[in-house]
Structures are given as C-alpha cells and as structure tokens.
C-alpha atoms as a PDB file:
ATOM      1  CA  MET A   1     -53.732 -24.692  13.511  1.00  0.00           C
ATOM      2  CA  LEU A   2     -56.488 -26.768  13.159  1.00  0.00           C
ATOM      3  CA  ILE A   3     -57.494 -25.352   9.341  1.00  0.00           C
ATOM      4  CA  ASP A   4     -54.043 -27.595   8.255  1.00  0.00           C
ATOM      5  CA  ILE A   5     -55.045 -30.811   9.634  1.00  0.00           C
ATOM      6  CA  ILE A   6     -58.594 -29.677   8.048  1.00  0.00           C
ATOM      7  CA  LYS A   7     -56.685 -29.738   4.055  1.00  0.00           C
ATOM      8  CA  ARG A   8     -54.450 -32.514   5.049  1.00  0.00           C
ATOM      9  CA  ARG A   9     -57.264 -34.685   6.009  1.00  0.00           C
ATOM     10  CA  CYS A  10     -58.838 -37.489   3.270  1.00  0.00           C
ATOM     11  CA  SER A  11     -60.112 -40.353   2.791  1.00  0.00           C
ATOM     12  CA  VAL A  12     -58.423 -43.647   2.722  1.00  0.00           C
ATOM     13  CA  ARG A  13     -59.244 -46.737   1.699  1.00  0.00           C
ATOM     14  CA  SER A  14     -55.761 -48.680   2.460  1.00  0.00           C
ATOM     15  CA  PHE A  15     -54.147 -48.746   4.950  1.00  0.00           C
ATOM     16  CA  ALA A  16     -50.338 -50.150   6.275  1.00  0.00           C
ATOM     17  CA  VAL A  17     -50.135 -52.836   8.228  1.00  0.00           C
ATOM     18  CA  LYS A  18     -49.864 -51.129  11.883  1.00  0.00           C
ATOM     19  CA  GLU A  19     -51.534 -51.837  14.964  1.00  0.00           C
ATOM     20  CA  ILE A  20     -52.619 -47.987  16.713  1.00  0.00           C
ATOM     21  CA  SER A  21     -51.921 -47.815  20.062  1.00  0.00           C
ATOM     22  CA  PRO A  22     -54.754 -48.339  22.968  1.00  0.00           C
ATOM     23  CA  ASP A  23     -53.395 -44.729  24.423  1.00  0.00           C
ATOM     24  CA  ILE A  24     -53.975 -42.876  21.008  1.00  0.00           C
ATOM     25  CA  ILE A  25     -57.508 -45.194  20.303  1.00  0.00           C
ATOM     26  CA  ASN A  26     -58.468 -43.371  23.593  1.00  0.00           C
ATOM     27  CA  VAL A  27     -57.114 -39.951  23.068  1.00  0.00           C
ATOM     28  CA  ILE A  28     -59.301 -40.284  19.742  1.00  0.00           C
ATOM     29  CA  LEU A  29     -62.202 -41.377  21.742  1.00  0.00           C
ATOM     30  CA  GLU A  30     -61.865 -38.443  24.286  1.00  0.00           C
ATOM     31  CA  ALA A  31     -62.337 -35.877  21.408  1.00  0.00           C
ATOM     32  CA  GLY A  32     -65.405 -37.612  20.459  1.00  0.00           C
ATOM     33  CA  ARG A  33     -66.701 -37.659  24.267  1.00  0.00           C
ATOM     34  CA  LEU A  34     -66.364 -34.095  24.317  1.00  0.00           C
ATOM     35  CA  SER A  35     -68.113 -33.046  21.734  1.00  0.00           C
ATOM     36  CA  PRO A  36     -71.652 -31.189  21.826  1.00  0.00           C
ATOM     37  CA  SER A  37     -74.993 -32.489  21.732  1.00  0.00           C
ATOM     38  CA  GLY A  38     -78.220 -31.191  20.875  1.00  0.00           C
ATOM     39  CA  GLY A  39     -79.981 -30.244  24.687  1.00  0.00           C
ATOM     40  CA  ASN A  40     -76.765 -31.776  25.676  1.00  0.00           C
ATOM     41  CA  GLU A  41     -78.319 -35.243  25.305  1.00  0.00           C
ATOM     42  CA  GLN A  42     -75.300 -37.020  24.396  1.00  0.00           C
ATOM     43  CA  ALA A  43     -77.326 -39.654  23.155  1.00  0.00           C
ATOM     44  CA  TRP A  44     -74.789 -42.160  21.570  1.00  0.00           C
ATOM     45  CA  LYS A  45     -72.364 -45.005  22.412  1.00  0.00           C
ATOM     46  CA  PHE A  46     -69.302 -45.701  20.245  1.00  0.00           C
ATOM     47  CA  GLY A  47     -68.225 -48.819  19.435  1.00  0.00           C
ATOM     48  CA  VAL A  48     -64.659 -49.640  19.253  1.00  0.00           C
ATOM     49  CA  ILE A  49     -63.772 -52.723  17.027  1.00  0.00           C
ATOM     50  CA  THR A  50     -60.086 -53.569  16.999  1.00  0.00           C
ATOM     51  CA  ASP A  51     -60.776 -57.330  16.770  1.00  0.00           C
ATOM     52  CA  LYS A  52     -59.583 -58.627  13.246  1.00  0.00           C
ATOM     53  CA  SER A  53     -62.039 -61.245  12.795  1.00  0.00           C
ATOM     54  CA  LEU A  54     -65.004 -58.965  13.485  1.00  0.00           C
ATOM     55  CA  ILE A  55     -63.566 -56.396  11.277  1.00  0.00           C
ATOM     56  CA  GLU A  56     -64.255 -58.451   8.499  1.00  0.00           C
ATOM     57  CA  GLN A  57     -67.718 -59.863   9.488  1.00  0.00           C
ATOM     58  CA  MET A  58     -68.552 -56.234   9.316  1.00  0.00           C
ATOM     59  CA  ALA A  59     -66.962 -55.244   6.177  1.00  0.00           C
ATOM     60  CA  ASP A  60     -69.142 -57.964   5.182  1.00  0.00           C
ATOM     61  CA  SER A  61     -72.236 -56.365   6.456  1.00  0.00           C
ATOM     62  CA  ALA A  62     -70.994 -52.878   4.400  1.00  0.00           C
ATOM     63  CA  TYR A  63     -72.177 -55.304   1.505  1.00  0.00           C
ATOM     64  CA  LYS A  64     -68.424 -56.899   0.771  1.00  0.00           C
ATOM     65  CA  GLN A  65     -66.412 -53.313   0.990  1.00  0.00           C
ATOM     66  CA  ASN A  66     -63.231 -55.287   1.692  1.00  0.00           C
ATOM     67  CA  TRP A  67     -60.997 -52.484   1.601  1.00  0.00           C
ATOM     68  CA  ILE A  68     -62.973 -51.650   5.044  1.00  0.00           C
ATOM     69  CA  LYS A  69     -60.692 -54.929   6.442  1.00  0.00           C
ATOM     70  CA  THR A  70     -57.554 -53.629   5.937  1.00  0.00           C
ATOM     71  CA  SER A  71     -58.147 -51.459   8.562  1.00  0.00           C
ATOM     72  CA  PRO A  72     -56.952 -52.098  12.094  1.00  0.00           C
ATOM     73  CA  LEU A  73     -59.686 -49.903  14.331  1.00  0.00           C
ATOM     74  CA  LEU A  74     -63.164 -48.967  13.341  1.00  0.00           C
ATOM     75  CA  ILE A  75     -65.451 -47.010  15.157  1.00  0.00           C
ATOM     76  CA  VAL A  76     -68.837 -47.299  15.136  1.00  0.00           C
ATOM     77  CA  LEU A  77     -71.312 -44.445  16.039  1.00  0.00           C
ATOM     78  CA  CYS A  78     -73.984 -45.406  18.220  1.00  0.00           C
ATOM     79  CA  THR A  79     -77.388 -42.902  17.715  1.00  0.00           C
ATOM     80  CA  THR A  80     -79.374 -43.802  21.704  1.00  0.00           C
ATOM     81  CA  ILE A  81     -82.943 -42.910  20.621  1.00  0.00           C
ATOM     82  CA  VAL A  82     -84.827 -39.893  22.861  1.00  0.00           C
ATOM     83  CA  GLU A  83     -87.768 -41.562  24.351  1.00  0.00           C
ATOM     84  CA  ASP A  84     -91.249 -40.273  22.789  1.00  0.00           C
ATOM     85  CA  GLU A  85     -92.223 -39.490  26.752  1.00  0.00           C
ATOM     86  CA  ARG A  86     -88.699 -37.140  26.917  1.00  0.00           C
ATOM     87  CA  GLY A  87     -89.808 -35.076  23.905  1.00  0.00           C
ATOM     88  CA  GLY A  88     -87.713 -36.949  21.389  1.00  0.00           C
ATOM     89  CA  ARG A  89     -90.290 -36.071  18.468  1.00  0.00           C
ATOM     90  CA  GLU A  90     -90.614 -32.546  19.312  1.00  0.00           C
ATOM     91  CA  ILE A  91     -87.891 -31.208  17.522  1.00  0.00           C
ATOM     92  CA  GLN A  92     -88.337 -33.165  14.450  1.00  0.00           C
ATOM     93  CA  LYS A  93     -92.735 -31.868  14.572  1.00  0.00           C
ATOM     94  CA  ARG A  94     -91.244 -28.640  15.137  1.00  0.00           C
ATOM     95  CA  ARG A  95     -88.938 -28.236  12.836  1.00  0.00           C
ATOM     96  CA  PHE A  96     -91.582 -29.879   9.739  1.00  0.00           C
ATOM     97  CA  PRO A  97     -94.935 -28.595  11.193  1.00  0.00           C
ATOM     98  CA  GLN A  98     -96.457 -29.858   8.163  1.00  0.00           C
ATOM     99  CA  TYR A  99     -95.778 -33.154   8.929  1.00  0.00           C
ATOM    100  CA  SER A 100     -96.533 -32.847  12.254  1.00  0.00           C
ATOM    101  CA  GLU A 101     -99.293 -35.232  12.449  1.00  0.00           C
ATOM    102  CA  GLU A 102     -97.567 -38.007  10.341  1.00  0.00           C
ATOM    103  CA  ILE A 103     -94.259 -37.868  12.871  1.00  0.00           C
ATOM    104  CA  THR A 104     -96.683 -38.381  15.948  1.00  0.00           C
ATOM    105  CA  ASN A 105     -98.675 -41.675  13.909  1.00  0.00           C
ATOM    106  CA  MET A 106     -95.039 -42.828  13.006  1.00  0.00           C
ATOM    107  CA  ASP A 107     -94.124 -46.210  14.302  1.00  0.00           C
ATOM    108  CA  PRO A 108     -91.247 -45.874  17.207  1.00  0.00           C
ATOM    109  CA  TYR A 109     -88.635 -47.912  15.423  1.00  0.00           C
ATOM    110  CA  LEU A 110     -89.140 -46.557  12.048  1.00  0.00           C
ATOM    111  CA  TYR A 111     -89.172 -43.331  13.456  1.00  0.00           C
ATOM    112  CA  ALA A 112     -86.333 -43.502  15.274  1.00  0.00           C
ATOM    113  CA  ALA A 113     -84.364 -45.542  12.247  1.00  0.00           C
ATOM    114  CA  LEU A 114     -85.405 -42.466  10.481  1.00  0.00           C
ATOM    115  CA  ASN A 115     -84.180 -39.978  12.592  1.00  0.00           C
ATOM    116  CA  SER A 116     -80.853 -41.526  14.335  1.00  0.00           C
ATOM    117  CA  GLU A 117     -78.996 -38.664  12.473  1.00  0.00           C
ATOM    118  CA  GLU A 118     -80.837 -36.109  14.989  1.00  0.00           C
ATOM    119  CA  HIS A 119     -78.486 -37.052  17.126  1.00  0.00           C
ATOM    120  CA  GLN A 120     -75.566 -35.610  15.530  1.00  0.00           C
ATOM    121  CA  THR A 121     -73.222 -38.304  15.726  1.00  0.00           C
ATOM    122  CA  LYS A 122     -71.459 -36.784  12.749  1.00  0.00           C
ATOM    123  CA  ILE A 123     -69.658 -34.192  15.592  1.00  0.00           C
ATOM    124  CA  PRO A 124     -67.981 -36.498  17.559  1.00  0.00           C
ATOM    125  CA  GLY A 125     -67.268 -38.606  14.709  1.00  0.00           C
ATOM    126  CA  THR A 126     -65.768 -35.533  12.885  1.00  0.00           C
ATOM    127  CA  HIS A 127     -63.867 -34.685  16.042  1.00  0.00           C
ATOM    128  CA  MET A 128     -62.443 -38.013  16.200  1.00  0.00           C
ATOM    129  CA  VAL A 129     -60.969 -37.971  12.315  1.00  0.00           C
ATOM    130  CA  LEU A 130     -59.589 -34.811  12.965  1.00  0.00           C
ATOM    131  CA  GLN A 131     -57.542 -36.406  16.059  1.00  0.00           C
ATOM    132  CA  ALA A 132     -56.773 -38.625  14.775  1.00  0.00           C
ATOM    133  CA  MET A 133     -54.997 -36.782  11.896  1.00  0.00           C
ATOM    134  CA  GLU A 134     -52.371 -35.509  14.623  1.00  0.00           C
ATOM    135  CA  TYR A 135     -50.544 -39.001  14.897  1.00  0.00           C
ATOM    136  CA  GLY A 136     -50.983 -39.370  11.372  1.00  0.00           C
ATOM    137  CA  ILE A 137     -54.244 -41.682  11.190  1.00  0.00           C
ATOM    138  CA  TYR A 138     -56.385 -41.297   8.562  1.00  0.00           C
ATOM    139  CA  SER A 139     -60.282 -42.460   8.035  1.00  0.00           C
ATOM    140  CA  THR A 140     -63.109 -43.185   5.893  1.00  0.00           C
ATOM    141  CA  TRP A 141     -66.744 -42.773   6.478  1.00  0.00           C
ATOM    142  CA  ILE A 142     -68.671 -45.594   6.235  1.00  0.00           C
ATOM    143  CA  SER A 143     -72.651 -45.004   5.660  1.00  0.00           C
ATOM    144  CA  TYR A 144     -73.369 -47.544   3.364  1.00  0.00           C
ATOM    145  CA  PHE A 145     -73.748 -50.972   5.641  1.00  0.00           C
ATOM    146  CA  ASN A 146     -76.858 -53.170   6.667  1.00  0.00           C
ATOM    147  CA  VAL A 147     -78.036 -51.664  10.058  1.00  0.00           C
ATOM    148  CA  ASP A 148     -79.911 -54.468  11.380  1.00  0.00           C
ATOM    149  CA  LYS A 149     -76.124 -56.797  10.611  1.00  0.00           C
ATOM    150  CA  VAL A 150     -74.490 -54.248  11.964  1.00  0.00           C
ATOM    151  CA  ALA A 151     -76.711 -53.849  15.059  1.00  0.00           C
ATOM    152  CA  LYS A 152     -76.752 -57.654  15.544  1.00  0.00           C
ATOM    153  CA  LEU A 153     -73.371 -58.467  15.457  1.00  0.00           C
ATOM    154  CA  LEU A 154     -72.633 -55.520  18.171  1.00  0.00           C
ATOM    155  CA  ASP A 155     -75.401 -56.720  20.181  1.00  0.00           C
ATOM    156  CA  LEU A 156     -76.888 -53.961  20.418  1.00  0.00           C
ATOM    157  CA  PRO A 157     -80.774 -53.298  21.912  1.00  0.00           C
ATOM    158  CA  LYS A 158     -83.527 -51.602  19.699  1.00  0.00           C
ATOM    159  CA  LEU A 159     -82.906 -48.125  20.340  1.00  0.00           C
ATOM    160  CA  CYS A 160     -79.526 -48.189  20.380  1.00  0.00           C
ATOM    161  CA  ILE A 161     -78.739 -47.996  16.352  1.00  0.00           C
ATOM    162  CA  PRO A 162     -75.653 -47.863  14.236  1.00  0.00           C
ATOM    163  CA  SER A 163     -75.419 -44.598  12.435  1.00  0.00           C
ATOM    164  CA  GLU A 164     -72.017 -44.302  10.884  1.00  0.00           C
ATOM    165  CA  ILE A 165     -69.112 -46.410  10.954  1.00  0.00           C
ATOM    166  CA  ILE A 166     -65.605 -44.900  10.335  1.00  0.00           C
ATOM    167  CA  ALA A 167     -62.372 -47.124   9.308  1.00  0.00           C
ATOM    168  CA  PHE A 168     -59.042 -45.536  10.944  1.00  0.00           C
ATOM    169  CA  GLY A 169     -55.642 -46.822   9.951  1.00  0.00           C
ATOM    170  CA  TYR A 170     -52.107 -45.614   8.869  1.00  0.00           C
ATOM    171  CA  PRO A 171     -52.273 -45.198   5.119  1.00  0.00           C
ATOM    172  CA  GLU A 172     -50.562 -47.492   2.960  1.00  0.00           C
ATOM    173  CA  THR A 173     -49.273 -44.626   0.527  1.00  0.00           C
ATOM    174  CA  GLU A 174     -49.165 -41.195   0.679  1.00  0.00           C
ATOM    175  CA  PRO A 175     -52.522 -39.882   0.833  1.00  0.00           C
ATOM    176  CA  PHE A 176     -53.677 -37.325  -1.559  1.00  0.00           C
ATOM    177  CA  PRO A 177     -56.052 -34.750  -0.791  1.00  0.00           C
ATOM    178  CA  LYS A 178     -59.001 -34.265  -2.985  1.00  0.00           C
ATOM    179  CA  VAL A 179     -59.811 -30.218  -4.301  1.00  0.00           C
ATOM    180  CA  LYS A 180     -62.301 -28.700  -3.051  1.00  0.00           C
ATOM    181  CA  LYS A 181     -65.006 -26.646  -4.857  1.00  0.00           C
ATOM    182  CA  GLY A 182     -63.913 -22.751  -3.860  1.00  0.00           C
ATOM    183  CA  LYS A 183     -65.828 -20.380  -1.399  1.00  0.00           C
ATOM    184  CA  GLU A 184     -67.839 -18.514  -3.927  1.00  0.00           C
ATOM    185  CA  GLU A 185     -69.343 -21.517  -4.829  1.00  0.00           C
ATOM    186  CA  VAL A 186     -70.445 -23.132  -1.514  1.00  0.00           C
ATOM    187  CA  VAL A 187     -70.923 -19.767   0.745  1.00  0.00           C
ATOM    188  CA  PHE A 188     -74.143 -17.629   0.547  1.00  0.00           C
ATOM    189  CA  TYR A 189     -74.476 -14.330   2.874  1.00  0.00           C
ATOM    190  CA  ASN A 190     -78.337 -13.600   4.203  1.00  0.00           C
ATOM    191  CA  LYS A 191     -80.297 -14.964   0.964  1.00  0.00           C
ATOM    192  CA  TYR A 192     -79.478 -17.482  -1.553  1.00  0.00           C
ATOM    193  CA  LYS A 193     -78.877 -15.841  -5.026  1.00  0.00           C
ATOM    194  CA  LYS A 194     -78.915 -18.321  -8.192  1.00  0.00           C
END
C-alpha cells in the first residue's frame, strides 16, 4: 500500500556506489510526468543529471553540500513561467488582492523567481520520490542552492527556473525514518482552535 511506502520514506544523505538503471529512471520520470498541475499547465521541465562531474558542480552550487556528490542521480525540478499575457499573475492577484498593485508592477523576472513554486513542481517531485521508493531508492530534497548558478550549469532559458533538486540513490546504510508529529498536532476540523 502507498501508506507503507510513505511511512518508510526518509531523507538519505549518503548513497551507495551503485548506479540507477535507465529503465528505473524512466519509471521515476513517468510518475512525475503524470502529476496534476493547476489548469493542467504542466509548467515544468525535469533535468536528469547523471554525469558525475556535473553532479559535483551542482553540489558546489548548493553551497558545497558535499554529500550530494555521492548521489548517482539528481533530478532538477524546473518551473517554466506562464507569461503575463496568458494570465500568469492573475492567480496571485486573486489570492492576495491586498497586494494586487505590487504584483502587477513587479519586475517580470523577480515575480517569476518569487512565484516559481506556484506551478507545483513539488507535486511531480513527490510522485517521483514515492515511485523511487518502490525500487529501494531513497532521496533528499535540496532547496538550498544558488538558482542562477544551477540555471547556468544547465543552460536553462531565463524563464525556466530551477525550483528544487532531488538527489536519488540506494542508501549506503539502513535508513530510519524520523518520528513525525501525531495527527492531533497537525490536523484541525472546520475551524482552527488554539
């Protein structure tokens, strides 16, 4: 059952020296490709990084998180920004009407950078992470990286922004999931109560 995979999932920062087969990578990517997105925009690209030299450069761009270098596979979740002409800012203006003017006047690249999560790259990323778990492949999300350096390394166009990186691999040692908060700590019904 899916809930059993979710219970086993945990971040791993030390991977075994073992490649992930192209067939498995394709299944992982397919799980991401089939993900839902707002308005079915599918406003994403998935960068598949297996070149060891490039992985090392990516680790350096992630503020020298050297554990990343042990990963045989990085998937960079990139947001392709919906152009203003297609209503790209309208969602946020309606969500935050008190900031409508500021959103309208914001520099297009700054707006795109700050809004890169709106197109839900975390949904396909989560699907990929869970699919990988079926093969005994663990992962860790990487949010702490220099966006411009990663974009340059990957030759991304200006409005294709790297939102997240996921490092995948077989764990070097047996992973142990962390204890999660109980349901009573994170769930409320109908209205929030202090």
